[in-house]
Amino acid sequence: MTINAKLALSNEKDEIILTNTDSKIIIFYSREGLNYDKNGFYLLFKEKQLQSIHSILNEKSATQADTFVQIIPPESLDNVQLIQRFTEITQGNNLQNITEKTLETSKNHRPASKDYLAEVILLLEKLGFSLVQKKKTPAKVQHRWKKALSEIEFFVDDFGSQATVIWQKHNEMLIKKGAQLRKEYNLNKDGSVGLDARMGTQLREEQKDKIQNFITTEDIILKSVNEVGLFLYYGGTNSWLVLKDQNNKAIDEWAVVKAQ
């Protein structure tokens, strides 16, 4: 695809006129130079990641961004439909799927809409703007050992296993002698052995001289809560919630690092 355009560049804004479609894209690099008019619609970016889309921009909504892209489409195209298509693109839908949906409701405008969308998307991507909004992932839960934990016994009584466990040092989980190990593991849907089962089997192989008939004959030391779960019952769940003290308080509650 070749984009024919006229450019007017400055420190405050860039004006791009798409000569093929008689439309305009204006990129504002600060709130001070914004035009709060009713032409077209706005894409708001922060560090070139899309934050939101607005049919009308006001000072309050402008505070969430550092760069503002005003799109003034051809008069033949409908603003509302274009905003809807852009919104679908930001949610991860590709242009081909979106234009197929558009065909059902806007047969007359489909070819022009498709070409115009493709042209604007390509131009913005070439300028480094990302239209797909990044999904916020929850912060990984962190746990921290403290000396008080070394004085608490945690118990496992689930998934066909039983054990008493002490988190005695930062990287030492002691499983007391006499622990009952789960005898079988579940296979994947395709009949293959899963990663957790393979890791659990490997841990047992390393301790095989301390296991007899699925019962541990000596204390065993592993490195983490996850290893304890893999060893005892082949994992498959959040072991931080499985190990509990005599009052049914999970080891997760004892060790989780709470956000400030």
C-alpha atoms as a PDB file:
ATOM      1  CA  MET A   1       0.000   0.000   0.000  1.00  0.00           C
ATOM      2  CA  THR A   2       1.218   3.485  -0.929  1.00  0.00           C
ATOM      3  CA  ILE A   3       0.008   6.469   1.058  1.00  0.00           C
ATOM      4  CA  ASN A   4      -0.048   9.823  -0.708  1.00  0.00           C
ATOM      5  CA  ALA A   5       0.026  12.687   1.755  1.00  0.00           C
ATOM      6  CA  LYS A   6       1.019  16.289   2.340  1.00  0.00           C
ATOM      7  CA  LEU A   7       2.811  17.070   5.593  1.00  0.00           C
ATOM      8  CA  ALA A   8       3.095  20.166   7.730  1.00  0.00           C
ATOM      9  CA  LEU A   9       5.388  19.491  10.698  1.00  0.00           C
ATOM     10  CA  SER A  10       6.205  21.581  13.760  1.00  0.00           C
ATOM     11  CA  ASN A  11       7.289  21.039  17.362  1.00  0.00           C
ATOM     12  CA  GLU A  12       3.705  21.372  18.587  1.00  0.00           C
ATOM     13  CA  LYS A  13       1.838  19.297  16.005  1.00  0.00           C
ATOM     14  CA  ASP A  14       1.969  17.432  12.718  1.00  0.00           C
ATOM     15  CA  GLU A  15      -0.722  17.863  10.079  1.00  0.00           C
ATOM     16  CA  ILE A  16      -1.058  15.068   7.532  1.00  0.00           C
ATOM     17  CA  ILE A  17      -3.453  15.485   4.616  1.00  0.00           C
ATOM     18  CA  LEU A  18      -4.309  12.195   2.897  1.00  0.00           C
ATOM     19  CA  THR A  19      -4.697  13.377  -0.658  1.00  0.00           C
ATOM     20  CA  ASN A  20      -6.359  10.199  -1.953  1.00  0.00           C
ATOM     21  CA  THR A  21      -9.287  10.468   0.446  1.00  0.00           C
ATOM     22  CA  ASP A  22      -9.425  14.208   1.166  1.00  0.00           C
ATOM     23  CA  SER A  23      -9.035  13.645   4.896  1.00  0.00           C
ATOM     24  CA  LYS A  24      -6.716  14.875   7.592  1.00  0.00           C
ATOM     25  CA  ILE A  25      -4.803  13.509  10.591  1.00  0.00           C
ATOM     26  CA  ILE A  26      -3.481  15.988  13.141  1.00  0.00           C
ATOM     27  CA  ILE A  27      -1.063  14.835  15.829  1.00  0.00           C
ATOM     28  CA  PHE A  28      -0.847  17.147  18.852  1.00  0.00           C
ATOM     29  CA  TYR A  29       2.179  16.679  21.131  1.00  0.00           C
ATOM     30  CA  SER A  30       0.800  18.622  24.101  1.00  0.00           C
ATOM     31  CA  ARG A  31      -2.528  19.622  25.606  1.00  0.00           C
ATOM     32  CA  GLU A  32      -1.719  23.294  25.200  1.00  0.00           C
ATOM     33  CA  GLY A  33      -2.055  23.203  21.416  1.00  0.00           C
ATOM     34  CA  LEU A  34      -5.185  21.070  21.197  1.00  0.00           C
ATOM     35  CA  ASN A  35      -8.214  22.057  19.153  1.00  0.00           C
ATOM     36  CA  TYR A  36     -11.339  21.080  21.062  1.00  0.00           C
ATOM     37  CA  ASP A  37     -13.558  21.118  17.980  1.00  0.00           C
ATOM     38  CA  LYS A  38     -16.180  18.665  16.780  1.00  0.00           C
ATOM     39  CA  ASN A  39     -14.482  17.529  13.592  1.00  0.00           C
ATOM     40  CA  GLY A  40     -13.707  13.826  13.363  1.00  0.00           C
ATOM     41  CA  PHE A  41     -12.655  11.929  16.473  1.00  0.00           C
ATOM     42  CA  TYR A  42      -9.636  11.556  18.736  1.00  0.00           C
ATOM     43  CA  LEU A  43      -7.233   8.763  19.644  1.00  0.00           C
ATOM     44  CA  LEU A  44      -5.417   9.436  22.931  1.00  0.00           C
ATOM     45  CA  PHE A  45      -1.939   7.991  23.435  1.00  0.00           C
ATOM     46  CA  LYS A  46       0.487   7.810  26.318  1.00  0.00           C
ATOM     47  CA  GLU A  47       4.050   6.851  25.429  1.00  0.00           C
ATOM     48  CA  LYS A  48       2.588   5.888  22.036  1.00  0.00           C
ATOM     49  CA  GLN A  49       0.261   3.284  23.587  1.00  0.00           C
ATOM     50  CA  LEU A  50      -3.417   3.866  22.919  1.00  0.00           C
ATOM     51  CA  GLN A  51      -5.367   4.909  26.024  1.00  0.00           C
ATOM     52  CA  SER A  52      -8.835   5.739  24.729  1.00  0.00           C
ATOM     53  CA  ILE A  53     -10.990   6.897  21.803  1.00  0.00           C
ATOM     54  CA  HIS A  54     -13.275   9.938  21.959  1.00  0.00           C
ATOM     55  CA  SER A  55     -15.845  11.334  19.555  1.00  0.00           C
ATOM     56  CA  ILE A  56     -15.559  14.670  21.379  1.00  0.00           C
ATOM     57  CA  LEU A  57     -12.533  15.697  23.417  1.00  0.00           C
ATOM     58  CA  ASN A  58     -12.634  17.885  26.512  1.00  0.00           C
ATOM     59  CA  GLU A  59     -10.011  19.121  28.948  1.00  0.00           C
ATOM     60  CA  LYS A  60     -10.827  16.476  31.550  1.00  0.00           C
ATOM     61  CA  SER A  61     -10.399  13.496  29.217  1.00  0.00           C
ATOM     62  CA  ALA A  62      -7.244  15.039  27.765  1.00  0.00           C
ATOM     63  CA  THR A  63      -5.397  14.732  31.091  1.00  0.00           C
ATOM     64  CA  GLN A  64      -4.940  10.963  30.599  1.00  0.00           C
ATOM     65  CA  ALA A  65      -2.639  11.294  27.564  1.00  0.00           C
ATOM     66  CA  ASP A  66       0.528  12.965  26.314  1.00  0.00           C
ATOM     67  CA  THR A  67      -0.188  12.771  22.560  1.00  0.00           C
ATOM     68  CA  PHE A  68      -3.489  13.346  20.758  1.00  0.00           C
ATOM     69  CA  VAL A  69      -4.370  12.163  17.264  1.00  0.00           C
ATOM     70  CA  GLN A  70      -7.339  13.911  15.667  1.00  0.00           C
ATOM     71  CA  ILE A  71      -8.709  11.993  12.698  1.00  0.00           C
ATOM     72  CA  ILE A  72     -10.905  13.923  10.295  1.00  0.00           C
ATOM     73  CA  PRO A  73     -12.248  11.327   7.838  1.00  0.00           C
ATOM     74  CA  PRO A  74     -13.831  11.944   4.425  1.00  0.00           C
ATOM     75  CA  GLU A  75     -17.372  13.309   4.581  1.00  0.00           C
ATOM     76  CA  SER A  76     -18.651  10.150   2.858  1.00  0.00           C
ATOM     77  CA  LEU A  77     -17.708   7.980   5.855  1.00  0.00           C
ATOM     78  CA  ASP A  78     -19.658   7.756   9.077  1.00  0.00           C
ATOM     79  CA  ASN A  79     -17.783   8.823  12.223  1.00  0.00           C
ATOM     80  CA  VAL A  80     -19.736   6.524  14.526  1.00  0.00           C
ATOM     81  CA  GLN A  81     -18.983   3.428  12.457  1.00  0.00           C
ATOM     82  CA  LEU A  82     -15.314   4.349  12.129  1.00  0.00           C
ATOM     83  CA  ILE A  83     -15.006   4.783  15.903  1.00  0.00           C
ATOM     84  CA  GLN A  84     -16.643   1.397  16.383  1.00  0.00           C
ATOM     85  CA  ARG A  85     -14.221  -0.226  13.931  1.00  0.00           C
ATOM     86  CA  PHE A  86     -11.217   1.414  15.618  1.00  0.00           C
ATOM     87  CA  THR A  87     -12.492   0.238  18.999  1.00  0.00           C
ATOM     88  CA  GLU A  88     -12.700  -3.342  17.742  1.00  0.00           C
ATOM     89  CA  ILE A  89      -9.156  -3.109  16.394  1.00  0.00           C
ATOM     90  CA  THR A  90      -7.852  -1.927  19.763  1.00  0.00           C
ATOM     91  CA  GLN A  91      -9.399  -5.031  21.317  1.00  0.00           C
ATOM     92  CA  GLY A  92      -7.316  -7.298  19.110  1.00  0.00           C
ATOM     93  CA  ASN A  93      -9.627  -7.948  16.132  1.00  0.00           C
ATOM     94  CA  ASN A  94      -7.915  -7.844  12.760  1.00  0.00           C
ATOM     95  CA  LEU A  95      -9.023  -5.591   9.946  1.00  0.00           C
ATOM     96  CA  GLN A  96     -10.280  -8.405   7.720  1.00  0.00           C
ATOM     97  CA  ASN A  97     -12.688  -9.719  10.371  1.00  0.00           C
ATOM     98  CA  ILE A  98     -13.913  -6.235  11.141  1.00  0.00           C
ATOM     99  CA  THR A  99     -14.674  -5.364   7.512  1.00  0.00           C
ATOM    100  CA  GLU A 100     -16.645  -8.590   7.182  1.00  0.00           C
ATOM    101  CA  LYS A 101     -18.802  -7.455  10.102  1.00  0.00           C
ATOM    102  CA  THR A 102     -19.123  -4.028   8.503  1.00  0.00           C
ATOM    103  CA  LEU A 103     -20.455  -5.604   5.297  1.00  0.00           C
ATOM    104  CA  GLU A 104     -23.610  -6.726   7.085  1.00  0.00           C
ATOM    105  CA  THR A 105     -24.594  -3.231   8.198  1.00  0.00           C
ATOM    106  CA  SER A 106     -22.908  -0.888   5.737  1.00  0.00           C
ATOM    107  CA  LYS A 107     -22.646  -2.458   2.278  1.00  0.00           C
ATOM    108  CA  ASN A 108     -22.423   0.859   0.479  1.00  0.00           C
ATOM    109  CA  HIS A 109     -19.446   2.126   2.488  1.00  0.00           C
ATOM    110  CA  ARG A 110     -17.526  -1.114   3.008  1.00  0.00           C
ATOM    111  CA  PRO A 111     -14.813  -0.739   0.313  1.00  0.00           C
ATOM    112  CA  ALA A 112     -14.109   2.894   1.199  1.00  0.00           C
ATOM    113  CA  SER A 113     -14.164   2.168   4.940  1.00  0.00           C
ATOM    114  CA  LYS A 114     -11.794  -0.757   4.553  1.00  0.00           C
ATOM    115  CA  ASP A 115      -9.303   1.187   2.459  1.00  0.00           C
ATOM    116  CA  TYR A 116      -9.441   4.219   4.707  1.00  0.00           C
ATOM    117  CA  LEU A 117      -9.008   2.201   7.905  1.00  0.00           C
ATOM    118  CA  ALA A 118      -6.063   0.327   6.415  1.00  0.00           C
ATOM    119  CA  GLU A 119      -4.427   3.574   5.322  1.00  0.00           C
ATOM    120  CA  VAL A 120      -4.807   5.282   8.710  1.00  0.00           C
ATOM    121  CA  ILE A 121      -3.653   2.209  10.630  1.00  0.00           C
ATOM    122  CA  LEU A 122      -0.563   1.823   8.446  1.00  0.00           C
ATOM    123  CA  LEU A 123       0.297   5.497   8.802  1.00  0.00           C
ATOM    124  CA  LEU A 124      -0.028   5.452  12.600  1.00  0.00           C
ATOM    125  CA  GLU A 125       2.005   2.262  12.879  1.00  0.00           C
ATOM    126  CA  LYS A 126       4.765   3.752  10.712  1.00  0.00           C
ATOM    127  CA  LEU A 127       4.842   6.705  13.112  1.00  0.00           C
ATOM    128  CA  GLY A 128       5.231   4.311  16.048  1.00  0.00           C
ATOM    129  CA  PHE A 129       1.720   4.460  17.508  1.00  0.00           C
ATOM    130  CA  SER A 130       0.310   1.166  18.804  1.00  0.00           C
ATOM    131  CA  LEU A 131      -3.443   0.779  18.346  1.00  0.00           C
ATOM    132  CA  VAL A 132      -3.845  -2.436  20.324  1.00  0.00           C
ATOM    133  CA  GLN A 133      -4.350  -1.606  23.987  1.00  0.00           C
ATOM    134  CA  LYS A 134      -2.116  -3.604  26.286  1.00  0.00           C
ATOM    135  CA  LYS A 135      -4.001  -5.720  28.759  1.00  0.00           C
ATOM    136  CA  LYS A 136      -3.024  -5.025  32.318  1.00  0.00           C
ATOM    137  CA  THR A 137      -1.773  -8.150  34.011  1.00  0.00           C
ATOM    138  CA  PRO A 138      -1.983  -8.477  37.767  1.00  0.00           C
ATOM    139  CA  ALA A 139       1.302  -8.149  39.588  1.00  0.00           C
ATOM    140  CA  LYS A 140       2.838 -11.478  40.510  1.00  0.00           C
ATOM    141  CA  VAL A 141       2.214 -12.358  44.139  1.00  0.00           C
ATOM    142  CA  GLN A 142       5.422 -12.330  46.164  1.00  0.00           C
ATOM    143  CA  HIS A 143       6.167 -14.355  49.287  1.00  0.00           C
ATOM    144  CA  ARG A 144       8.913 -13.813  51.821  1.00  0.00           C
ATOM    145  CA  TRP A 145      10.393 -16.125  54.443  1.00  0.00           C
ATOM    146  CA  LYS A 146      10.734 -14.902  58.014  1.00  0.00           C
ATOM    147  CA  LYS A 147      12.099 -16.607  61.073  1.00  0.00           C
ATOM    148  CA  ALA A 148       8.676 -17.055  62.671  1.00  0.00           C
ATOM    149  CA  LEU A 149       7.755 -19.431  59.836  1.00  0.00           C
ATOM    150  CA  SER A 150      10.429 -21.885  60.920  1.00  0.00           C
ATOM    151  CA  GLU A 151       8.447 -22.519  64.117  1.00  0.00           C
ATOM    152  CA  ILE A 152       5.139 -23.363  62.399  1.00  0.00           C
ATOM    153  CA  GLU A 153       4.030 -26.743  61.131  1.00  0.00           C
ATOM    154  CA  PHE A 154       2.032 -26.699  57.917  1.00  0.00           C
ATOM    155  CA  PHE A 155      -0.081 -29.664  56.893  1.00  0.00           C
ATOM    156  CA  VAL A 156      -1.104 -31.213  53.593  1.00  0.00           C
ATOM    157  CA  ASP A 157      -4.158 -33.447  53.483  1.00  0.00           C
ATOM    158  CA  ASP A 158      -5.406 -33.333  49.914  1.00  0.00           C
ATOM    159  CA  PHE A 159      -4.983 -34.830  46.429  1.00  0.00           C
ATOM    160  CA  GLY A 160      -4.277 -38.269  47.873  1.00  0.00           C
ATOM    161  CA  SER A 161      -1.330 -37.056  49.944  1.00  0.00           C
ATOM    162  CA  GLN A 162      -0.616 -36.218  53.577  1.00  0.00           C
ATOM    163  CA  ALA A 163       2.404 -34.501  55.069  1.00  0.00           C
ATOM    164  CA  THR A 164       3.762 -32.166  57.729  1.00  0.00           C
ATOM    165  CA  VAL A 165       5.981 -29.416  56.346  1.00  0.00           C
ATOM    166  CA  ILE A 166       8.214 -26.780  57.947  1.00  0.00           C
ATOM    167  CA  TRP A 167       9.652 -23.819  56.059  1.00  0.00           C
ATOM    168  CA  GLN A 168      12.855 -23.867  58.056  1.00  0.00           C
ATOM    169  CA  LYS A 169      15.047 -21.564  55.947  1.00  0.00           C
ATOM    170  CA  HIS A 170      14.645 -19.244  52.990  1.00  0.00           C
ATOM    171  CA  ASN A 171      15.214 -22.021  50.464  1.00  0.00           C
ATOM    172  CA  GLU A 172      14.616 -25.097  52.636  1.00  0.00           C
ATOM    173  CA  MET A 173      11.216 -26.778  52.981  1.00  0.00           C
ATOM    174  CA  LEU A 174      11.409 -29.792  55.304  1.00  0.00           C
ATOM    175  CA  ILE A 175       8.884 -32.601  54.747  1.00  0.00           C
ATOM    176  CA  LYS A 176       8.745 -34.709  57.882  1.00  0.00           C
ATOM    177  CA  LYS A 177       9.288 -38.445  57.761  1.00  0.00           C
ATOM    178  CA  GLY A 178       6.124 -40.489  57.166  1.00  0.00           C
ATOM    179  CA  ALA A 179       4.581 -38.326  54.433  1.00  0.00           C
ATOM    180  CA  GLN A 180       2.064 -40.096  52.179  1.00  0.00           C
ATOM    181  CA  LEU A 181       2.665 -39.441  48.466  1.00  0.00           C
ATOM    182  CA  ARG A 182      -0.004 -39.393  45.796  1.00  0.00           C
ATOM    183  CA  LYS A 183       0.215 -42.642  43.850  1.00  0.00           C
ATOM    184  CA  GLU A 184      -0.955 -41.619  40.384  1.00  0.00           C
ATOM    185  CA  TYR A 185      -0.992 -38.493  38.268  1.00  0.00           C
ATOM    186  CA  ASN A 186      -3.459 -37.279  35.662  1.00  0.00           C
ATOM    187  CA  LEU A 187      -2.558 -37.316  31.986  1.00  0.00           C
ATOM    188  CA  ASN A 188      -3.145 -34.495  29.526  1.00  0.00           C
ATOM    189  CA  LYS A 189      -6.225 -34.695  27.302  1.00  0.00           C
ATOM    190  CA  ASP A 190      -4.096 -36.127  24.491  1.00  0.00           C
ATOM    191  CA  GLY A 191      -2.778 -38.881  26.763  1.00  0.00           C
ATOM    192  CA  SER A 192       0.668 -37.354  27.251  1.00  0.00           C
ATOM    193  CA  VAL A 193       2.420 -36.801  30.579  1.00  0.00           C
ATOM    194  CA  GLY A 194       2.213 -33.169  31.692  1.00  0.00           C
ATOM    195  CA  LEU A 195       5.058 -30.967  32.888  1.00  0.00           C
ATOM    196  CA  ASP A 196       3.977 -31.072  36.550  1.00  0.00           C
ATOM    197  CA  ALA A 197       3.872 -34.877  36.496  1.00  0.00           C
ATOM    198  CA  ARG A 198       7.320 -35.060  34.912  1.00  0.00           C
ATOM    199  CA  MET A 199       8.800 -32.644  37.439  1.00  0.00           C
ATOM    200  CA  GLY A 200       7.149 -34.443  40.359  1.00  0.00           C
ATOM    201  CA  THR A 201       8.473 -37.786  39.099  1.00  0.00           C
ATOM    202  CA  GLN A 202      11.971 -36.309  38.793  1.00  0.00           C
ATOM    203  CA  LEU A 203      11.870 -35.003  42.374  1.00  0.00           C
ATOM    204  CA  ARG A 204      10.792 -38.427  43.635  1.00  0.00           C
ATOM    205  CA  GLU A 205      13.536 -40.094  41.640  1.00  0.00           C
ATOM    206  CA  GLU A 206      16.100 -37.849  43.338  1.00  0.00           C
ATOM    207  CA  GLN A 207      14.741 -38.942  46.766  1.00  0.00           C
ATOM    208  CA  LYS A 208      13.967 -42.577  45.908  1.00  0.00           C
ATOM    209  CA  ASP A 209      16.223 -43.961  48.658  1.00  0.00           C
ATOM    210  CA  LYS A 210      13.950 -42.205  51.197  1.00  0.00           C
ATOM    211  CA  ILE A 211      10.643 -43.500  49.803  1.00  0.00           C
ATOM    212  CA  GLN A 212       9.061 -46.909  50.284  1.00  0.00           C
ATOM    213  CA  ASN A 213       5.556 -47.814  49.060  1.00  0.00           C
ATOM    214  CA  PHE A 214       4.764 -44.110  48.570  1.00  0.00           C
ATOM    215  CA  ILE A 215       5.698 -43.289  52.197  1.00  0.00           C
ATOM    216  CA  THR A 216       8.784 -41.236  53.050  1.00  0.00           C
ATOM    217  CA  THR A 217      11.119 -43.044  55.448  1.00  0.00           C
ATOM    218  CA  GLU A 218      13.246 -39.992  56.315  1.00  0.00           C
ATOM    219  CA  ASP A 219      12.890 -36.220  56.476  1.00  0.00           C
ATOM    220  CA  ILE A 220      13.224 -34.686  53.020  1.00  0.00           C
ATOM    221  CA  ILE A 221      14.359 -31.151  52.215  1.00  0.00           C
ATOM    222  CA  LEU A 222      13.210 -29.374  49.064  1.00  0.00           C
ATOM    223  CA  LYS A 223      13.776 -25.819  47.890  1.00  0.00           C
ATOM    224  CA  SER A 224      10.315 -24.272  47.624  1.00  0.00           C
ATOM    225  CA  VAL A 225       6.598 -24.545  48.254  1.00  0.00           C
ATOM    226  CA  ASN A 226       6.090 -25.400  44.592  1.00  0.00           C
ATOM    227  CA  GLU A 227       8.577 -28.275  44.801  1.00  0.00           C
ATOM    228  CA  VAL A 228       6.743 -29.588  47.863  1.00  0.00           C
ATOM    229  CA  GLY A 229       3.491 -29.648  45.879  1.00  0.00           C
ATOM    230  CA  LEU A 230       5.112 -31.361  42.905  1.00  0.00           C
ATOM    231  CA  PHE A 231       6.743 -33.959  45.136  1.00  0.00           C
ATOM    232  CA  LEU A 232       3.681 -34.768  47.247  1.00  0.00           C
ATOM    233  CA  TYR A 233       0.816 -34.627  44.737  1.00  0.00           C
ATOM    234  CA  TYR A 234       2.305 -33.746  41.327  1.00  0.00           C
ATOM    235  CA  GLY A 235       1.283 -30.081  41.609  1.00  0.00           C
ATOM    236  CA  GLY A 236      -1.552 -28.954  39.377  1.00  0.00           C
ATOM    237  CA  THR A 237      -2.762 -26.301  41.831  1.00  0.00           C
ATOM    238  CA  ASN A 238      -1.549 -23.313  43.847  1.00  0.00           C
ATOM    239  CA  SER A 239       0.402 -24.994  46.642  1.00  0.00           C
ATOM    240  CA  TRP A 240       0.583 -21.729  48.605  1.00  0.00           C
ATOM    241  CA  LEU A 241      -3.111 -22.290  49.356  1.00  0.00           C
ATOM    242  CA  VAL A 242      -2.804 -26.029  50.072  1.00  0.00           C
ATOM    243  CA  LEU A 243      -0.292 -25.949  52.937  1.00  0.00           C
ATOM    244  CA  LYS A 244      -2.157 -24.837  56.083  1.00  0.00           C
ATOM    245  CA  ASP A 245      -1.343 -24.511  59.766  1.00  0.00           C
ATOM    246  CA  GLN A 246      -3.358 -26.095  62.612  1.00  0.00           C
ATOM    247  CA  ASN A 247      -5.817 -23.188  62.465  1.00  0.00           C
ATOM    248  CA  ASN A 248      -6.400 -23.677  58.728  1.00  0.00           C
ATOM    249  CA  LYS A 249      -4.427 -20.556  57.824  1.00  0.00           C
ATOM    250  CA  ALA A 250      -2.652 -21.041  54.498  1.00  0.00           C
ATOM    251  CA  ILE A 251       1.082 -20.536  54.182  1.00  0.00           C
ATOM    252  CA  ASP A 252       0.204 -17.874  51.603  1.00  0.00           C
ATOM    253  CA  GLU A 253      -1.342 -15.712  54.332  1.00  0.00           C
ATOM    254  CA  TRP A 254       1.749 -16.092  56.501  1.00  0.00           C
ATOM    255  CA  ALA A 255       4.265 -15.191  53.809  1.00  0.00           C
ATOM    256  CA  VAL A 256       2.590 -12.953  51.224  1.00  0.00           C
ATOM    257  CA  VAL A 257       4.164  -9.524  50.727  1.00  0.00           C
ATOM    258  CA  LYS A 258       1.311  -7.017  50.909  1.00  0.00           C
ATOM    259  CA  ALA A 259       1.297  -3.973  48.662  1.00  0.00           C
ATOM    260  CA  GLN A 260       2.038  -0.710  50.419  1.00  0.00           C
END
